[in-house]
Amino acid sequence: MTEEQVQQRKNLFMGGIAALAGFGLFILMFSAFDMEPSGFTSAITTGLLVTAAACFGSAARIKRDANRNS
């Protein structure tokens, strides 16, 4: 992998970690403030999980493509 690919993969991985951390914080806020689940809150949590999955998937694709090309 080139240095650019390594950096891009690292950034995507950290973005996935940040999205999962945001999901965890959002869930903690639900329990701390006794919020009831609603369409708004489910949209936010779903968005955070989809973002994390997309980041991790893109990071895996970069590594797979680099291994395939080398």
PDB file of N, CA and C in Angstrom:
ATOM      1  N   MET A   1       0.842  -1.182   0.000  1.00  0.00           N
ATOM      2  CA  MET A   1       0.000   0.000   0.000  1.00  0.00           C
ATOM      3  C   MET A   1       0.882   1.238   0.000  1.00  0.00           C
ATOM      4  N   THR A   2       0.419   2.234  -0.736  1.00  0.00           N
ATOM      5  CA  THR A   2       1.135   3.496  -0.744  1.00  0.00           C
ATOM      6  C   THR A   2       0.852   4.253   0.549  1.00  0.00           C
ATOM      7  N   GLU A   3       1.645   5.261   0.786  1.00  0.00           N
ATOM      8  CA  GLU A   3       1.468   6.071   1.994  1.00  0.00           C
ATOM      9  C   GLU A   3       0.105   6.759   1.983  1.00  0.00           C
ATOM     10  N   GLU A   4      -0.333   7.183   0.809  1.00  0.00           N
ATOM     11  CA  GLU A   4      -1.648   7.828   0.687  1.00  0.00           C
ATOM     12  C   GLU A   4      -2.775   6.846   1.040  1.00  0.00           C
ATOM     13  N   GLN A   5      -2.672   5.612   0.579  1.00  0.00           N
ATOM     14  CA  GLN A   5      -3.680   4.599   0.895  1.00  0.00           C
ATOM     15  C   GLN A   5      -3.695   4.282   2.388  1.00  0.00           C
ATOM     16  N   VAL A   6      -2.512   4.195   2.976  1.00  0.00           N
ATOM     17  CA  VAL A   6      -2.423   3.918   4.411  1.00  0.00           C
ATOM     18  C   VAL A   6      -3.095   5.040   5.198  1.00  0.00           C
ATOM     19  N   GLN A   7      -2.840   6.280   4.815  1.00  0.00           N
ATOM     20  CA  GLN A   7      -3.429   7.425   5.508  1.00  0.00           C
ATOM     21  C   GLN A   7      -4.942   7.456   5.312  1.00  0.00           C
ATOM     22  N   GLN A   8      -5.394   7.188   4.087  1.00  0.00           N
ATOM     23  CA  GLN A   8      -6.830   7.192   3.814  1.00  0.00           C
ATOM     24  C   GLN A   8      -7.526   6.084   4.601  1.00  0.00           C
ATOM     25  N   ARG A   9      -6.916   4.911   4.653  1.00  0.00           N
ATOM     26  CA  ARG A   9      -7.492   3.785   5.402  1.00  0.00           C
ATOM     27  C   ARG A   9      -7.555   4.114   6.898  1.00  0.00           C
ATOM     28  N   LYS A  10      -6.502   4.733   7.409  1.00  0.00           N
ATOM     29  CA  LYS A  10      -6.471   5.118   8.822  1.00  0.00           C
ATOM     30  C   LYS A  10      -7.575   6.128   9.131  1.00  0.00           C
ATOM     31  N   ASN A  11      -7.766   7.110   8.251  1.00  0.00           N
ATOM     32  CA  ASN A  11      -8.805   8.122   8.463  1.00  0.00           C
ATOM     33  C   ASN A  11     -10.200   7.501   8.430  1.00  0.00           C
ATOM     34  N   LEU A  12     -10.429   6.580   7.499  1.00  0.00           N
ATOM     35  CA  LEU A  12     -11.727   5.922   7.425  1.00  0.00           C
ATOM     36  C   LEU A  12     -11.983   5.063   8.661  1.00  0.00           C
ATOM     37  N   PHE A  13     -10.964   4.357   9.111  1.00  0.00           N
ATOM     38  CA  PHE A  13     -11.107   3.527  10.299  1.00  0.00           C
ATOM     39  C   PHE A  13     -11.434   4.392  11.517  1.00  0.00           C
ATOM     40  N   MET A  14     -10.728   5.503  11.664  1.00  0.00           N
ATOM     41  CA  MET A  14     -10.991   6.394  12.794  1.00  0.00           C
ATOM     42  C   MET A  14     -12.380   7.028  12.679  1.00  0.00           C
ATOM     43  N   GLY A  15     -12.831   7.292  11.457  1.00  0.00           N
ATOM     44  CA  GLY A  15     -14.186   7.795  11.263  1.00  0.00           C
ATOM     45  C   GLY A  15     -15.226   6.779  11.714  1.00  0.00           C
ATOM     46  N   GLY A  16     -14.974   5.511  11.434  1.00  0.00           N
ATOM     47  CA  GLY A  16     -15.871   4.448  11.893  1.00  0.00           C
ATOM     48  C   GLY A  16     -15.902   4.352  13.404  1.00  0.00           C
ATOM     49  N   ILE A  17     -14.739   4.460  14.023  1.00  0.00           N
ATOM     50  CA  ILE A  17     -14.663   4.437  15.484  1.00  0.00           C
ATOM     51  C   ILE A  17     -15.416   5.632  16.068  1.00  0.00           C
ATOM     52  N   ALA A  18     -15.245   6.800  15.454  1.00  0.00           N
ATOM     53  CA  ALA A  18     -15.939   7.998  15.941  1.00  0.00           C
ATOM     54  C   ALA A  18     -17.455   7.855  15.814  1.00  0.00           C
ATOM     55  N   ALA A  19     -17.924   7.258  14.715  1.00  0.00           N
ATOM     56  CA  ALA A  19     -19.361   7.061  14.538  1.00  0.00           C
ATOM     57  C   ALA A  19     -19.907   6.093  15.591  1.00  0.00           C
ATOM     58  N   LEU A  20     -19.159   5.036  15.882  1.00  0.00           N
ATOM     59  CA  LEU A  20     -19.590   4.102  16.929  1.00  0.00           C
ATOM     60  C   LEU A  20     -19.580   4.768  18.304  1.00  0.00           C
ATOM     61  N   ALA A  21     -18.583   5.623  18.543  1.00  0.00           N
ATOM     62  CA  ALA A  21     -18.537   6.353  19.817  1.00  0.00           C
ATOM     63  C   ALA A  21     -19.728   7.307  19.916  1.00  0.00           C
ATOM     64  N   GLY A  22     -20.062   7.964  18.817  1.00  0.00           N
ATOM     65  CA  GLY A  22     -21.231   8.837  18.798  1.00  0.00           C
ATOM     66  C   GLY A  22     -22.508   8.069  19.069  1.00  0.00           C
ATOM     67  N   PHE A  23     -22.608   6.872  18.506  1.00  0.00           N
ATOM     68  CA  PHE A  23     -23.760   6.012  18.762  1.00  0.00           C
ATOM     69  C   PHE A  23     -23.848   5.678  20.252  1.00  0.00           C
ATOM     70  N   GLY A  24     -22.719   5.321  20.848  1.00  0.00           N
ATOM     71  CA  GLY A  24     -22.696   4.994  22.276  1.00  0.00           C
ATOM     72  C   GLY A  24     -23.088   6.182  23.139  1.00  0.00           C
ATOM     73  N   LEU A  25     -22.575   7.351  22.803  1.00  0.00           N
ATOM     74  CA  LEU A  25     -22.925   8.558  23.563  1.00  0.00           C
ATOM     75  C   LEU A  25     -24.408   8.897  23.421  1.00  0.00           C
ATOM     76  N   PHE A  26     -24.921   8.691  22.223  1.00  0.00           N
ATOM     77  CA  PHE A  26     -26.335   8.969  21.998  1.00  0.00           C
ATOM     78  C   PHE A  26     -27.205   8.030  22.826  1.00  0.00           C
ATOM     79  N   ILE A  27     -26.833   6.771  22.900  1.00  0.00           N
ATOM     80  CA  ILE A  27     -27.567   5.803  23.710  1.00  0.00           C
ATOM     81  C   ILE A  27     -27.471   6.175  25.197  1.00  0.00           C
ATOM     82  N   LEU A  28     -26.289   6.602  25.631  1.00  0.00           N
ATOM     83  CA  LEU A  28     -26.145   7.044  27.022  1.00  0.00           C
ATOM     84  C   LEU A  28     -27.028   8.255  27.320  1.00  0.00           C
ATOM     85  N   MET A  29     -27.147   9.158  26.362  1.00  0.00           N
ATOM     86  CA  MET A  29     -28.024  10.309  26.551  1.00  0.00           C
ATOM     87  C   MET A  29     -29.478   9.853  26.688  1.00  0.00           C
ATOM     88  N   PHE A  30     -29.869   8.846  25.913  1.00  0.00           N
ATOM     89  CA  PHE A  30     -31.225   8.314  26.042  1.00  0.00           C
ATOM     90  C   PHE A  30     -31.491   7.871  27.468  1.00  0.00           C
ATOM     91  N   SER A  31     -30.571   7.102  28.015  1.00  0.00           N
ATOM     92  CA  SER A  31     -30.798   6.567  29.354  1.00  0.00           C
ATOM     93  C   SER A  31     -30.652   7.645  30.426  1.00  0.00           C
ATOM     94  N   ALA A  32     -29.741   8.584  30.244  1.00  0.00           N
ATOM     95  CA  ALA A  32     -29.526   9.626  31.251  1.00  0.00           C
ATOM     96  C   ALA A  32     -30.719  10.575  31.347  1.00  0.00           C
ATOM     97  N   PHE A  33     -31.338  10.890  30.215  1.00  0.00           N
ATOM     98  CA  PHE A  33     -32.444  11.842  30.207  1.00  0.00           C
ATOM     99  C   PHE A  33     -33.799  11.164  30.079  1.00  0.00           C
ATOM    100  N   ASP A  34     -33.833   9.846  30.200  1.00  0.00           N
ATOM    101  CA  ASP A  34     -35.079   9.076  30.108  1.00  0.00           C
ATOM    102  C   ASP A  34     -35.886   9.442  28.862  1.00  0.00           C
ATOM    103  N   MET A  35     -35.202   9.501  27.736  1.00  0.00           N
ATOM    104  CA  MET A  35     -35.870   9.815  26.474  1.00  0.00           C
ATOM    105  C   MET A  35     -36.526   8.557  25.919  1.00  0.00           C
ATOM    106  N   GLU A  36     -37.707   8.725  25.390  1.00  0.00           N
ATOM    107  CA  GLU A  36     -38.401   7.622  24.739  1.00  0.00           C
ATOM    108  C   GLU A  36     -37.938   7.542  23.286  1.00  0.00           C
ATOM    109  N   PRO A  37     -37.741   6.336  22.772  1.00  0.00           N
ATOM    110  CA  PRO A  37     -37.369   6.195  21.362  1.00  0.00           C
ATOM    111  C   PRO A  37     -38.467   6.775  20.459  1.00  0.00           C
ATOM    112  N   SER A  38     -38.052   7.434  19.405  1.00  0.00           N
ATOM    113  CA  SER A  38     -39.000   8.012  18.449  1.00  0.00           C
ATOM    114  C   SER A  38     -38.405   7.895  17.053  1.00  0.00           C
ATOM    115  N   GLY A  39     -39.118   8.378  16.090  1.00  0.00           N
ATOM    116  CA  GLY A  39     -38.625   8.350  14.716  1.00  0.00           C
ATOM    117  C   GLY A  39     -37.365   9.174  14.551  1.00  0.00           C
ATOM    118  N   PHE A  40     -37.312  10.301  15.242  1.00  0.00           N
ATOM    119  CA  PHE A  40     -36.135  11.171  15.163  1.00  0.00           C
ATOM    120  C   PHE A  40     -34.901  10.485  15.733  1.00  0.00           C
ATOM    121  N   THR A  41     -35.051   9.903  16.909  1.00  0.00           N
ATOM    122  CA  THR A  41     -33.889   9.270  17.545  1.00  0.00           C
ATOM    123  C   THR A  41     -33.460   8.008  16.799  1.00  0.00           C
ATOM    124  N   SER A  42     -34.424   7.279  16.256  1.00  0.00           N
ATOM    125  CA  SER A  42     -34.034   6.081  15.506  1.00  0.00           C
ATOM    126  C   SER A  42     -33.334   6.461  14.200  1.00  0.00           C
ATOM    127  N   ALA A  43     -33.716   7.575  13.608  1.00  0.00           N
ATOM    128  CA  ALA A  43     -33.039   8.028  12.392  1.00  0.00           C
ATOM    129  C   ALA A  43     -31.582   8.395  12.687  1.00  0.00           C
ATOM    130  N   ILE A  44     -31.360   9.049  13.810  1.00  0.00           N
ATOM    131  CA  ILE A  44     -29.992   9.431  14.171  1.00  0.00           C
ATOM    132  C   ILE A  44     -29.139   8.201  14.462  1.00  0.00           C
ATOM    133  N   THR A  45     -29.667   7.278  15.258  1.00  0.00           N
ATOM    134  CA  THR A  45     -28.877   6.088  15.587  1.00  0.00           C
ATOM    135  C   THR A  45     -28.631   5.232  14.359  1.00  0.00           C
ATOM    136  N   THR A  46     -29.619   5.104  13.489  1.00  0.00           N
ATOM    137  CA  THR A  46     -29.431   4.348  12.248  1.00  0.00           C
ATOM    138  C   THR A  46     -28.385   5.019  11.374  1.00  0.00           C
ATOM    139  N   GLY A  47     -28.429   6.325  11.291  1.00  0.00           N
ATOM    140  CA  GLY A  47     -27.437   7.060  10.502  1.00  0.00           C
ATOM    141  C   GLY A  47     -26.029   6.863  11.020  1.00  0.00           C
ATOM    142  N   LEU A  48     -25.872   6.870  12.331  1.00  0.00           N
ATOM    143  CA  LEU A  48     -24.541   6.663  12.910  1.00  0.00           C
ATOM    144  C   LEU A  48     -24.030   5.251  12.631  1.00  0.00           C
ATOM    145  N   LEU A  49     -24.907   4.248  12.727  1.00  0.00           N
ATOM    146  CA  LEU A  49     -24.484   2.876  12.453  1.00  0.00           C
ATOM    147  C   LEU A  49     -24.164   2.669  10.973  1.00  0.00           C
ATOM    148  N   VAL A  50     -24.952   3.269  10.097  1.00  0.00           N
ATOM    149  CA  VAL A  50     -24.678   3.156   8.657  1.00  0.00           C
ATOM    150  C   VAL A  50     -23.363   3.854   8.319  1.00  0.00           C
ATOM    151  N   THR A  51     -23.119   4.996   8.925  1.00  0.00           N
ATOM    152  CA  THR A  51     -21.855   5.709   8.702  1.00  0.00           C
ATOM    153  C   THR A  51     -20.669   4.872   9.150  1.00  0.00           C
ATOM    154  N   ALA A  52     -20.775   4.248  10.318  1.00  0.00           N
ATOM    155  CA  ALA A  52     -19.690   3.400  10.812  1.00  0.00           C
ATOM    156  C   ALA A  52     -19.451   2.227   9.865  1.00  0.00           C
ATOM    157  N   ALA A  53     -20.518   1.591   9.418  1.00  0.00           N
ATOM    158  CA  ALA A  53     -20.380   0.458   8.502  1.00  0.00           C
ATOM    159  C   ALA A  53     -19.750   0.894   7.183  1.00  0.00           C
ATOM    160  N   ALA A  54     -20.145   2.057   6.684  1.00  0.00           N
ATOM    161  CA  ALA A  54     -19.579   2.561   5.429  1.00  0.00           C
ATOM    162  C   ALA A  54     -18.092   2.859   5.581  1.00  0.00           C
ATOM    163  N   CYS A  55     -17.702   3.449   6.686  1.00  0.00           N
ATOM    164  CA  CYS A  55     -16.285   3.757   6.920  1.00  0.00           C
ATOM    165  C   CYS A  55     -15.451   2.486   7.013  1.00  0.00           C
ATOM    166  N   PHE A  56     -15.936   1.523   7.801  1.00  0.00           N
ATOM    167  CA  PHE A  56     -15.193   0.273   7.942  1.00  0.00           C
ATOM    168  C   PHE A  56     -15.148  -0.484   6.618  1.00  0.00           C
ATOM    169  N   GLY A  57     -16.239  -0.474   5.867  1.00  0.00           N
ATOM    170  CA  GLY A  57     -16.261  -1.139   4.566  1.00  0.00           C
ATOM    171  C   GLY A  57     -15.306  -0.508   3.578  1.00  0.00           C
ATOM    172  N   SER A  58     -15.237   0.813   3.562  1.00  0.00           N
ATOM    173  CA  SER A  58     -14.317   1.506   2.661  1.00  0.00           C
ATOM    174  C   SER A  58     -12.864   1.239   3.048  1.00  0.00           C
ATOM    175  N   ALA A  59     -12.594   1.194   4.339  1.00  0.00           N
ATOM    176  CA  ALA A  59     -11.236   0.894   4.795  1.00  0.00           C
ATOM    177  C   ALA A  59     -10.836  -0.522   4.385  1.00  0.00           C
ATOM    178  N   ALA A  60     -11.762  -1.463   4.511  1.00  0.00           N
ATOM    179  CA  ALA A  60     -11.478  -2.845   4.107  1.00  0.00           C
ATOM    180  C   ALA A  60     -11.286  -2.936   2.597  1.00  0.00           C
ATOM    181  N   ARG A  61     -12.059  -2.174   1.826  1.00  0.00           N
ATOM    182  CA  ARG A  61     -11.933  -2.181   0.368  1.00  0.00           C
ATOM    183  C   ARG A  61     -10.578  -1.649  -0.066  1.00  0.00           C
ATOM    184  N   ILE A  62     -10.097  -0.596   0.604  1.00  0.00           N
ATOM    185  CA  ILE A  62      -8.785  -0.040   0.263  1.00  0.00           C
ATOM    186  C   ILE A  62      -7.704  -1.087   0.480  1.00  0.00           C
ATOM    187  N   LYS A  63      -7.764  -1.793   1.602  1.00  0.00           N
ATOM    188  CA  LYS A  63      -6.761  -2.813   1.888  1.00  0.00           C
ATOM    189  C   LYS A  63      -6.867  -3.968   0.888  1.00  0.00           C
ATOM    190  N   ARG A  64      -8.088  -4.402   0.594  1.00  0.00           N
ATOM    191  CA  ARG A  64      -8.289  -5.493  -0.355  1.00  0.00           C
ATOM    192  C   ARG A  64      -7.761  -5.126  -1.742  1.00  0.00           C
ATOM    193  N   ASP A  65      -8.076  -3.928  -2.204  1.00  0.00           N
ATOM    194  CA  ASP A  65      -7.610  -3.493  -3.507  1.00  0.00           C
ATOM    195  C   ASP A  65      -6.107  -3.345  -3.562  1.00  0.00           C
ATOM    196  N   ALA A  66      -5.514  -2.873  -2.480  1.00  0.00           N
ATOM    197  CA  ALA A  66      -4.053  -2.733  -2.443  1.00  0.00           C
ATOM    198  C   ALA A  66      -3.382  -4.103  -2.478  1.00  0.00           C
ATOM    199  N   ASN A  67      -3.948  -5.064  -1.745  1.00  0.00           N
ATOM    200  CA  ASN A  67      -3.371  -6.410  -1.762  1.00  0.00           C
ATOM    201  C   ASN A  67      -3.559  -7.075  -3.121  1.00  0.00           C
ATOM    202  N   ARG A  68      -4.660  -6.782  -3.778  1.00  0.00           N
ATOM    203  CA  ARG A  68      -4.942  -7.360  -5.085  1.00  0.00           C
ATOM    204  C   ARG A  68      -4.004  -6.794  -6.150  1.00  0.00           C
ATOM    205  N   ASN A  69      -3.640  -5.523  -6.017  1.00  0.00           N
ATOM    206  CA  ASN A  69      -2.803  -4.842  -7.011  1.00  0.00           C
ATOM    207  C   ASN A  69      -1.317  -5.071  -6.790  1.00  0.00           C
ATOM    208  N   SER A  70      -0.921  -5.602  -5.658  1.00  0.00           N
ATOM    209  CA  SER A  70       0.512  -5.757  -5.395  1.00  0.00           C
ATOM    210  C   SER A  70       1.017  -7.128  -5.801  1.00  0.00           C
TER     211      SER A  70
END
